[in-house]
Amino acid sequence: MQTELKHQIAQLAAKYENTQFLPADPSSFMHRVNGAANQECMAFLASCLSYGSRKQFFPKIQFLLDSAHGELHHWVGSGEWRNDIPDSTACYYRLYTFHDMHCLLAAYEEMLTQYGSMKEYIRLNATTGIEAVAALCRFFAERGASKIVPKNTSSACKRVCMFLRWMVREGSDVDLGLWADIIDRRTLIMPLDTHVVQEACRMGLLNSRTASMSTARRLTDAMLEVFPDDPLKGDFALFGLGVDDSAKPKHCSFYLQ
């Protein structure tokens, strides 16, 4: 990778990894609750619903936060969520029904009952980022919640990778770093979505628009060239630029013509 491109990516990452990024991002929800246990629960549920239009999925995340009165860990672990999420075929958000949410929360409740926290489950089942993705997919798939959490790592698992970024990266204005002691941030996988793929292709970092885990890992390898100790810092550069049309210069030296 050319030195100029590395420099540009580093500049973009610094621009978007700050508190001004939070209000318009689903990561903001985990900053609205107190305590590591609540932050972990809020982050996971917010990540599960983070697709499509933010104007549409933000209220769905807010509903969970309001239902739990900010105490997400107790709300899920105690089963109180059943008072707010009936097992019905009514639509909750886009392709997700209340039944789908019911399956997700029932599985999550089981995890908290058995392990105490998602962090403890990961501690016992994974040591790297890809192992953590696989462990989460496996747990929820075995309990019938694969409508929301991918059943395996054949897809890019964008939202799971995003959640792990939030949990593992420390020293960030955005990410929490609650799991920094159990997963090395150098092993995290880039969250791959349309915006990130588009910008990565424009920069010549990818030559495929297929959103697969292999593509996500190739992009992660590219980011390791820029940030050897913290590849997912590059997520701020690519995602931030992808959603910030006003920041895109008409003529940029690293964009392919």
C-alpha atoms as a PDB file:
ATOM      1  CA  MET A   1       0.000   0.000   0.000  1.00  0.00           C
ATOM      2  CA  GLN A   2       1.315   3.420  -0.929  1.00  0.00           C
ATOM      3  CA  THR A   3       2.484   5.733   1.849  1.00  0.00           C
ATOM      4  CA  GLU A   4       0.120   8.489   0.709  1.00  0.00           C
ATOM      5  CA  LEU A   5      -2.890   6.185   0.945  1.00  0.00           C
ATOM      6  CA  LYS A   6      -1.862   5.045   4.431  1.00  0.00           C
ATOM      7  CA  HIS A   7      -1.601   8.669   5.487  1.00  0.00           C
ATOM      8  CA  GLN A   8      -5.022   9.518   4.063  1.00  0.00           C
ATOM      9  CA  ILE A   9      -6.657   6.578   5.847  1.00  0.00           C
ATOM     10  CA  ALA A  10      -5.009   7.519   9.150  1.00  0.00           C
ATOM     11  CA  GLN A  11      -6.255  11.103   8.770  1.00  0.00           C
ATOM     12  CA  LEU A  12      -9.816   9.944   8.073  1.00  0.00           C
ATOM     13  CA  ALA A  13      -9.788   7.589  11.063  1.00  0.00           C
ATOM     14  CA  ALA A  14      -8.700  10.417  13.348  1.00  0.00           C
ATOM     15  CA  LYS A  15     -11.424  12.642  11.919  1.00  0.00           C
ATOM     16  CA  TYR A  16     -14.296  10.255  12.597  1.00  0.00           C
ATOM     17  CA  GLU A  17     -13.236   8.483  15.812  1.00  0.00           C
ATOM     18  CA  ASN A  18     -14.505  11.061  18.259  1.00  0.00           C
ATOM     19  CA  THR A  19     -17.582  11.916  20.318  1.00  0.00           C
ATOM     20  CA  GLN A  20     -19.087  13.924  17.451  1.00  0.00           C
ATOM     21  CA  PHE A  21     -19.477  10.582  15.674  1.00  0.00           C
ATOM     22  CA  LEU A  22     -21.722   9.172  18.422  1.00  0.00           C
ATOM     23  CA  PRO A  23     -25.147  10.872  18.115  1.00  0.00           C
ATOM     24  CA  ALA A  24     -25.788   9.507  14.629  1.00  0.00           C
ATOM     25  CA  ASP A  25     -24.357   6.048  15.350  1.00  0.00           C
ATOM     26  CA  PRO A  26     -25.965   3.049  17.108  1.00  0.00           C
ATOM     27  CA  SER A  27     -22.920   2.853  19.386  1.00  0.00           C
ATOM     28  CA  SER A  28     -24.430   5.892  21.149  1.00  0.00           C
ATOM     29  CA  PHE A  29     -26.930   3.654  22.936  1.00  0.00           C
ATOM     30  CA  MET A  30     -24.269   1.803  24.931  1.00  0.00           C
ATOM     31  CA  HIS A  31     -23.049   5.170  26.209  1.00  0.00           C
ATOM     32  CA  ARG A  32     -26.495   5.968  27.607  1.00  0.00           C
ATOM     33  CA  VAL A  33     -26.481   3.246  30.269  1.00  0.00           C
ATOM     34  CA  ASN A  34     -24.409   2.795  33.399  1.00  0.00           C
ATOM     35  CA  GLY A  35     -22.167  -0.110  34.334  1.00  0.00           C
ATOM     36  CA  ALA A  36     -20.263  -2.632  32.235  1.00  0.00           C
ATOM     37  CA  ALA A  37     -23.025  -5.263  32.399  1.00  0.00           C
ATOM     38  CA  ASN A  38     -25.669  -2.878  31.077  1.00  0.00           C
ATOM     39  CA  GLN A  39     -23.325  -1.492  28.434  1.00  0.00           C
ATOM     40  CA  GLU A  40     -22.528  -4.975  27.187  1.00  0.00           C
ATOM     41  CA  CYS A  41     -26.213  -5.918  26.922  1.00  0.00           C
ATOM     42  CA  MET A  42     -27.198  -2.643  25.311  1.00  0.00           C
ATOM     43  CA  ALA A  43     -24.352  -2.878  22.808  1.00  0.00           C
ATOM     44  CA  PHE A  44     -25.269  -6.401  21.768  1.00  0.00           C
ATOM     45  CA  LEU A  45     -28.971  -5.652  21.293  1.00  0.00           C
ATOM     46  CA  ALA A  46     -28.232  -2.395  19.486  1.00  0.00           C
ATOM     47  CA  SER A  47     -25.859  -4.175  17.126  1.00  0.00           C
ATOM     48  CA  CYS A  48     -28.483  -6.814  16.349  1.00  0.00           C
ATOM     49  CA  LEU A  49     -30.922  -4.162  15.121  1.00  0.00           C
ATOM     50  CA  SER A  50     -28.421  -1.966  13.293  1.00  0.00           C
ATOM     51  CA  TYR A  51     -29.344  -2.368   9.659  1.00  0.00           C
ATOM     52  CA  GLY A  52     -31.374  -0.352   7.204  1.00  0.00           C
ATOM     53  CA  SER A  53     -32.394   3.224   7.932  1.00  0.00           C
ATOM     54  CA  ARG A  54     -31.203   4.707  11.210  1.00  0.00           C
ATOM     55  CA  LYS A  55     -34.406   6.729  11.414  1.00  0.00           C
ATOM     56  CA  GLN A  56     -36.251   3.410  11.507  1.00  0.00           C
ATOM     57  CA  PHE A  57     -34.044   1.196  13.678  1.00  0.00           C
ATOM     58  CA  PHE A  58     -33.055   3.801  16.290  1.00  0.00           C
ATOM     59  CA  PRO A  59     -36.625   3.855  17.727  1.00  0.00           C
ATOM     60  CA  LYS A  60     -36.582   0.037  17.899  1.00  0.00           C
ATOM     61  CA  ILE A  61     -33.397   0.107  19.943  1.00  0.00           C
ATOM     62  CA  GLN A  62     -34.829   2.922  22.063  1.00  0.00           C
ATOM     63  CA  PHE A  63     -37.870   0.765  22.793  1.00  0.00           C
ATOM     64  CA  LEU A  64     -35.630  -1.889  24.362  1.00  0.00           C
ATOM     65  CA  LEU A  65     -33.773   0.731  26.374  1.00  0.00           C
ATOM     66  CA  ASP A  66     -37.024   2.267  27.611  1.00  0.00           C
ATOM     67  CA  SER A  67     -38.570  -1.111  28.415  1.00  0.00           C
ATOM     68  CA  ALA A  68     -35.569  -2.006  30.549  1.00  0.00           C
ATOM     69  CA  HIS A  69     -35.434   1.459  32.175  1.00  0.00           C
ATOM     70  CA  GLY A  70     -31.723   1.434  31.451  1.00  0.00           C
ATOM     71  CA  GLU A  71     -31.139  -1.835  33.323  1.00  0.00           C
ATOM     72  CA  LEU A  72     -30.607  -4.082  30.309  1.00  0.00           C
ATOM     73  CA  HIS A  73     -28.669  -6.810  32.113  1.00  0.00           C
ATOM     74  CA  HIS A  74     -31.401  -7.347  34.701  1.00  0.00           C
ATOM     75  CA  TRP A  75     -34.180  -6.987  32.116  1.00  0.00           C
ATOM     76  CA  VAL A  76     -32.722  -9.760  29.975  1.00  0.00           C
ATOM     77  CA  GLY A  77     -31.299 -11.994  32.693  1.00  0.00           C
ATOM     78  CA  SER A  78     -34.415 -11.950  34.868  1.00  0.00           C
ATOM     79  CA  GLY A  79     -36.811 -12.669  32.019  1.00  0.00           C
ATOM     80  CA  GLU A  80     -38.646  -9.376  32.498  1.00  0.00           C
ATOM     81  CA  TRP A  81     -38.215  -8.784  28.772  1.00  0.00           C
ATOM     82  CA  ARG A  82     -41.098 -11.245  28.238  1.00  0.00           C
ATOM     83  CA  ASN A  83     -43.497  -8.554  29.469  1.00  0.00           C
ATOM     84  CA  ASP A  84     -42.468  -6.304  26.577  1.00  0.00           C
ATOM     85  CA  ILE A  85     -41.616  -8.734  23.764  1.00  0.00           C
ATOM     86  CA  PRO A  86     -44.540 -11.124  23.195  1.00  0.00           C
ATOM     87  CA  ASP A  87     -44.025 -14.294  21.181  1.00  0.00           C
ATOM     88  CA  SER A  88     -46.109 -13.192  18.209  1.00  0.00           C
ATOM     89  CA  THR A  89     -45.822 -13.004  14.442  1.00  0.00           C
ATOM     90  CA  ALA A  90     -46.335  -9.226  14.422  1.00  0.00           C
ATOM     91  CA  CYS A  91     -43.549  -7.210  12.828  1.00  0.00           C
ATOM     92  CA  TYR A  92     -40.952  -5.738  15.172  1.00  0.00           C
ATOM     93  CA  TYR A  93     -38.547  -4.252  12.627  1.00  0.00           C
ATOM     94  CA  ARG A  94     -38.449  -4.953   8.911  1.00  0.00           C
ATOM     95  CA  LEU A  95     -37.753  -8.699   8.512  1.00  0.00           C
ATOM     96  CA  TYR A  96     -37.767  -9.329  12.271  1.00  0.00           C
ATOM     97  CA  THR A  97     -40.995 -10.349  13.983  1.00  0.00           C
ATOM     98  CA  PHE A  98     -41.641 -10.225  17.710  1.00  0.00           C
ATOM     99  CA  HIS A  99     -41.135 -14.007  17.592  1.00  0.00           C
ATOM    100  CA  ASP A 100     -37.639 -13.501  16.207  1.00  0.00           C
ATOM    101  CA  MET A 101     -36.857 -11.029  18.976  1.00  0.00           C
ATOM    102  CA  HIS A 102     -38.374 -13.448  21.487  1.00  0.00           C
ATOM    103  CA  CYS A 103     -36.026 -16.213  20.297  1.00  0.00           C
ATOM    104  CA  LEU A 104     -33.027 -13.874  20.479  1.00  0.00           C
ATOM    105  CA  LEU A 105     -33.810 -12.685  23.997  1.00  0.00           C
ATOM    106  CA  ALA A 106     -34.642 -16.182  25.256  1.00  0.00           C
ATOM    107  CA  ALA A 107     -31.247 -17.387  24.041  1.00  0.00           C
ATOM    108  CA  TYR A 108     -29.530 -14.342  25.541  1.00  0.00           C
ATOM    109  CA  GLU A 109     -31.305 -14.902  28.863  1.00  0.00           C
ATOM    110  CA  GLU A 110     -30.026 -18.489  28.846  1.00  0.00           C
ATOM    111  CA  MET A 111     -26.487 -17.253  28.222  1.00  0.00           C
ATOM    112  CA  LEU A 112     -26.667 -14.806  31.135  1.00  0.00           C
ATOM    113  CA  THR A 113     -28.151 -17.452  33.417  1.00  0.00           C
ATOM    114  CA  GLN A 114     -25.472 -19.977  32.546  1.00  0.00           C
ATOM    115  CA  TYR A 115     -22.409 -17.739  32.248  1.00  0.00           C
ATOM    116  CA  GLY A 116     -23.334 -14.496  34.035  1.00  0.00           C
ATOM    117  CA  SER A 117     -22.325 -12.344  31.088  1.00  0.00           C
ATOM    118  CA  MET A 118     -21.552 -12.583  27.404  1.00  0.00           C
ATOM    119  CA  LYS A 119     -17.962 -11.689  28.207  1.00  0.00           C
ATOM    120  CA  GLU A 120     -17.606 -14.777  30.367  1.00  0.00           C
ATOM    121  CA  TYR A 121     -19.072 -16.952  27.623  1.00  0.00           C
ATOM    122  CA  ILE A 122     -16.532 -15.540  25.163  1.00  0.00           C
ATOM    123  CA  ARG A 123     -13.709 -15.926  27.689  1.00  0.00           C
ATOM    124  CA  LEU A 124     -14.437 -19.644  27.844  1.00  0.00           C
ATOM    125  CA  ASN A 125     -14.976 -20.158  24.111  1.00  0.00           C
ATOM    126  CA  ALA A 126     -12.694 -17.830  22.154  1.00  0.00           C
ATOM    127  CA  THR A 127      -9.277 -16.210  22.178  1.00  0.00           C
ATOM    128  CA  THR A 128      -9.352 -14.355  18.851  1.00  0.00           C
ATOM    129  CA  GLY A 129     -11.783 -12.144  16.989  1.00  0.00           C
ATOM    130  CA  ILE A 130     -12.842 -14.768  14.444  1.00  0.00           C
ATOM    131  CA  GLU A 131     -13.262 -17.361  17.201  1.00  0.00           C
ATOM    132  CA  ALA A 132     -15.483 -14.905  19.081  1.00  0.00           C
ATOM    133  CA  VAL A 133     -17.632 -14.346  15.968  1.00  0.00           C
ATOM    134  CA  ALA A 134     -17.972 -18.100  15.489  1.00  0.00           C
ATOM    135  CA  ALA A 135     -18.789 -18.691  19.164  1.00  0.00           C
ATOM    136  CA  LEU A 136     -21.580 -16.108  19.168  1.00  0.00           C
ATOM    137  CA  CYS A 137     -23.043 -17.415  15.909  1.00  0.00           C
ATOM    138  CA  ARG A 138     -22.940 -20.985  17.209  1.00  0.00           C
ATOM    139  CA  PHE A 139     -24.608 -20.198  20.543  1.00  0.00           C
ATOM    140  CA  PHE A 140     -27.562 -18.345  19.058  1.00  0.00           C
ATOM    141  CA  ALA A 141     -27.964 -20.735  16.106  1.00  0.00           C
ATOM    142  CA  GLU A 142     -28.214 -23.695  18.464  1.00  0.00           C
ATOM    143  CA  ARG A 143     -31.096 -21.918  20.194  1.00  0.00           C
ATOM    144  CA  GLY A 144     -33.091 -20.952  17.134  1.00  0.00           C
ATOM    145  CA  ALA A 145     -32.065 -17.296  16.922  1.00  0.00           C
ATOM    146  CA  SER A 146     -30.199 -17.420  13.606  1.00  0.00           C
ATOM    147  CA  LYS A 147     -32.801 -15.159  12.005  1.00  0.00           C
ATOM    148  CA  ILE A 148     -31.024 -12.273  13.732  1.00  0.00           C
ATOM    149  CA  VAL A 149     -27.517 -13.571  14.531  1.00  0.00           C
ATOM    150  CA  PRO A 150     -25.848 -15.286  11.527  1.00  0.00           C
ATOM    151  CA  LYS A 151     -25.755 -19.068  11.895  1.00  0.00           C
ATOM    152  CA  ASN A 152     -22.067 -19.282  10.931  1.00  0.00           C
ATOM    153  CA  THR A 153     -19.132 -17.251   9.656  1.00  0.00           C
ATOM    154  CA  SER A 154     -19.680 -17.811   5.937  1.00  0.00           C
ATOM    155  CA  SER A 155     -21.193 -14.329   5.653  1.00  0.00           C
ATOM    156  CA  ALA A 156     -19.361 -11.148   6.671  1.00  0.00           C
ATOM    157  CA  CYS A 157     -21.203 -11.143  10.039  1.00  0.00           C
ATOM    158  CA  LYS A 158     -21.028  -7.354   9.915  1.00  0.00           C
ATOM    159  CA  ARG A 159     -23.059  -6.619  13.035  1.00  0.00           C
ATOM    160  CA  VAL A 160     -21.259  -9.222  15.145  1.00  0.00           C
ATOM    161  CA  CYS A 161     -17.898  -7.824  14.042  1.00  0.00           C
ATOM    162  CA  MET A 162     -19.123  -4.309  14.827  1.00  0.00           C
ATOM    163  CA  PHE A 163     -20.249  -5.403  18.302  1.00  0.00           C
ATOM    164  CA  LEU A 164     -16.838  -6.967  18.935  1.00  0.00           C
ATOM    165  CA  ARG A 165     -15.172  -3.718  17.872  1.00  0.00           C
ATOM    166  CA  TRP A 166     -17.241  -1.882  20.466  1.00  0.00           C
ATOM    167  CA  MET A 167     -16.341  -4.406  23.172  1.00  0.00           C
ATOM    168  CA  VAL A 168     -12.639  -4.945  22.484  1.00  0.00           C
ATOM    169  CA  ARG A 169     -11.058  -1.673  21.359  1.00  0.00           C
ATOM    170  CA  GLU A 170      -9.940   0.476  24.287  1.00  0.00           C
ATOM    171  CA  GLY A 171      -8.681   4.035  24.436  1.00  0.00           C
ATOM    172  CA  SER A 172     -11.439   5.172  22.083  1.00  0.00           C
ATOM    173  CA  ASP A 173     -14.026   7.946  22.342  1.00  0.00           C
ATOM    174  CA  VAL A 174     -16.499   5.535  20.741  1.00  0.00           C
ATOM    175  CA  ASP A 175     -15.614   1.940  21.594  1.00  0.00           C
ATOM    176  CA  LEU A 176     -15.817   0.682  25.175  1.00  0.00           C
ATOM    177  CA  GLY A 177     -12.915  -1.770  25.489  1.00  0.00           C
ATOM    178  CA  LEU A 178     -14.739  -3.915  28.051  1.00  0.00           C
ATOM    179  CA  TRP A 179     -13.262  -7.094  26.592  1.00  0.00           C
ATOM    180  CA  ALA A 180      -9.764  -5.775  25.928  1.00  0.00           C
ATOM    181  CA  ASP A 181      -8.365  -8.244  28.440  1.00  0.00           C
ATOM    182  CA  ILE A 182      -9.731 -11.353  26.721  1.00  0.00           C
ATOM    183  CA  ILE A 183      -9.538 -10.596  22.965  1.00  0.00           C
ATOM    184  CA  ASP A 184      -6.549  -9.019  21.194  1.00  0.00           C
ATOM    185  CA  ARG A 185      -7.800  -6.115  19.095  1.00  0.00           C
ATOM    186  CA  ARG A 186      -5.285  -7.053  16.404  1.00  0.00           C
ATOM    187  CA  THR A 187      -7.410 -10.159  15.701  1.00  0.00           C
ATOM    188  CA  LEU A 188     -10.705  -8.305  15.152  1.00  0.00           C
ATOM    189  CA  ILE A 189     -12.400  -8.479  11.743  1.00  0.00           C
ATOM    190  CA  MET A 190     -13.541  -5.387   9.829  1.00  0.00           C
ATOM    191  CA  PRO A 191     -17.337  -4.896   9.879  1.00  0.00           C
ATOM    192  CA  LEU A 192     -18.220  -5.069   6.203  1.00  0.00           C
ATOM    193  CA  ASP A 193     -21.227  -3.183   4.856  1.00  0.00           C
ATOM    194  CA  THR A 194     -22.136  -1.376   1.648  1.00  0.00           C
ATOM    195  CA  HIS A 195     -20.465   1.904   2.641  1.00  0.00           C
ATOM    196  CA  VAL A 196     -17.220   0.238   3.722  1.00  0.00           C
ATOM    197  CA  VAL A 197     -17.002  -1.998   0.641  1.00  0.00           C
ATOM    198  CA  GLN A 198     -17.687   0.958  -1.648  1.00  0.00           C
ATOM    199  CA  GLU A 199     -14.950   3.105  -0.139  1.00  0.00           C
ATOM    200  CA  ALA A 200     -12.498   0.181   0.022  1.00  0.00           C
ATOM    201  CA  CYS A 201     -13.036  -0.516  -3.686  1.00  0.00           C
ATOM    202  CA  ARG A 202     -12.620   3.160  -4.566  1.00  0.00           C
ATOM    203  CA  MET A 203      -9.319   3.192  -2.713  1.00  0.00           C
ATOM    204  CA  GLY A 204      -8.161   0.016  -4.405  1.00  0.00           C
ATOM    205  CA  LEU A 205      -8.115  -1.953  -1.146  1.00  0.00           C
ATOM    206  CA  LEU A 206     -10.625  -4.490  -2.494  1.00  0.00           C
ATOM    207  CA  ASN A 207     -11.424  -5.705  -5.979  1.00  0.00           C
ATOM    208  CA  SER A 208     -14.624  -7.502  -5.010  1.00  0.00           C
ATOM    209  CA  ARG A 209     -17.915  -6.149  -3.718  1.00  0.00           C
ATOM    210  CA  THR A 210     -18.978  -9.512  -2.294  1.00  0.00           C
ATOM    211  CA  ALA A 211     -19.772  -9.131   1.398  1.00  0.00           C
ATOM    212  CA  SER A 212     -18.239 -12.364   2.670  1.00  0.00           C
ATOM    213  CA  MET A 213     -16.028 -13.206   5.606  1.00  0.00           C
ATOM    214  CA  SER A 214     -13.092 -13.798   3.259  1.00  0.00           C
ATOM    215  CA  THR A 215     -13.552 -10.277   1.863  1.00  0.00           C
ATOM    216  CA  ALA A 216     -13.775  -8.846   5.378  1.00  0.00           C
ATOM    217  CA  ARG A 217     -10.545 -10.595   6.325  1.00  0.00           C
ATOM    218  CA  ARG A 218      -8.759  -9.319   3.216  1.00  0.00           C
ATOM    219  CA  LEU A 219      -9.784  -5.778   4.100  1.00  0.00           C
ATOM    220  CA  THR A 220      -8.641  -6.352   7.682  1.00  0.00           C
ATOM    221  CA  ASP A 221      -5.222  -7.427   6.380  1.00  0.00           C
ATOM    222  CA  ALA A 222      -5.065  -4.177   4.397  1.00  0.00           C
ATOM    223  CA  MET A 223      -5.909  -2.156   7.519  1.00  0.00           C
ATOM    224  CA  LEU A 224      -3.153  -3.982   9.419  1.00  0.00           C
ATOM    225  CA  GLU A 225      -0.708  -2.301   7.042  1.00  0.00           C
ATOM    226  CA  VAL A 226      -1.957   1.091   8.220  1.00  0.00           C
ATOM    227  CA  PHE A 227      -2.660   0.274  11.872  1.00  0.00           C
ATOM    228  CA  PRO A 228      -0.530  -2.788  12.797  1.00  0.00           C
ATOM    229  CA  ASP A 229      -1.652  -2.691  16.415  1.00  0.00           C
ATOM    230  CA  ASP A 230      -5.290  -1.725  15.812  1.00  0.00           C
ATOM    231  CA  PRO A 231      -6.695  -2.614  12.359  1.00  0.00           C
ATOM    232  CA  LEU A 232     -10.302  -1.698  13.139  1.00  0.00           C
ATOM    233  CA  LYS A 233      -9.324   1.901  13.601  1.00  0.00           C
ATOM    234  CA  GLY A 234      -9.643   1.812   9.824  1.00  0.00           C
ATOM    235  CA  ASP A 235     -13.373   1.155  10.174  1.00  0.00           C
ATOM    236  CA  PHE A 236     -13.856   4.776  11.194  1.00  0.00           C
ATOM    237  CA  ALA A 237     -12.056   5.952   8.068  1.00  0.00           C
ATOM    238  CA  LEU A 238     -14.014   3.853   5.584  1.00  0.00           C
ATOM    239  CA  PHE A 239     -17.424   3.893   7.241  1.00  0.00           C
ATOM    240  CA  GLY A 240     -17.195   7.559   8.198  1.00  0.00           C
ATOM    241  CA  LEU A 241     -16.260   8.613   4.691  1.00  0.00           C
ATOM    242  CA  GLY A 242     -18.904   6.315   3.236  1.00  0.00           C
ATOM    243  CA  VAL A 243     -21.771   7.972   5.088  1.00  0.00           C
ATOM    244  CA  ASP A 244     -20.406  11.530   5.032  1.00  0.00           C
ATOM    245  CA  ASP A 245     -21.018  12.639   1.465  1.00  0.00           C
ATOM    246  CA  SER A 246     -20.209  16.232   2.335  1.00  0.00           C
ATOM    247  CA  ALA A 247     -16.669  15.229   3.258  1.00  0.00           C
ATOM    248  CA  LYS A 248     -15.842  13.534  -0.028  1.00  0.00           C
ATOM    249  CA  PRO A 249     -13.594  15.680  -2.189  1.00  0.00           C
ATOM    250  CA  LYS A 250     -14.400  15.828  -5.876  1.00  0.00           C
ATOM    251  CA  HIS A 251     -10.795  15.055  -6.668  1.00  0.00           C
ATOM    252  CA  CYS A 252      -8.979  12.744  -4.274  1.00  0.00           C
ATOM    253  CA  SER A 253      -5.599  11.215  -5.090  1.00  0.00           C
ATOM    254  CA  PHE A 254      -6.376   7.819  -3.591  1.00  0.00           C
ATOM    255  CA  TYR A 255      -9.696   7.311  -5.383  1.00  0.00           C
ATOM    256  CA  LEU A 256      -9.464   5.123  -8.450  1.00  0.00           C
ATOM    257  CA  GLN A 257     -10.460   6.876 -11.648  1.00  0.00           C
END
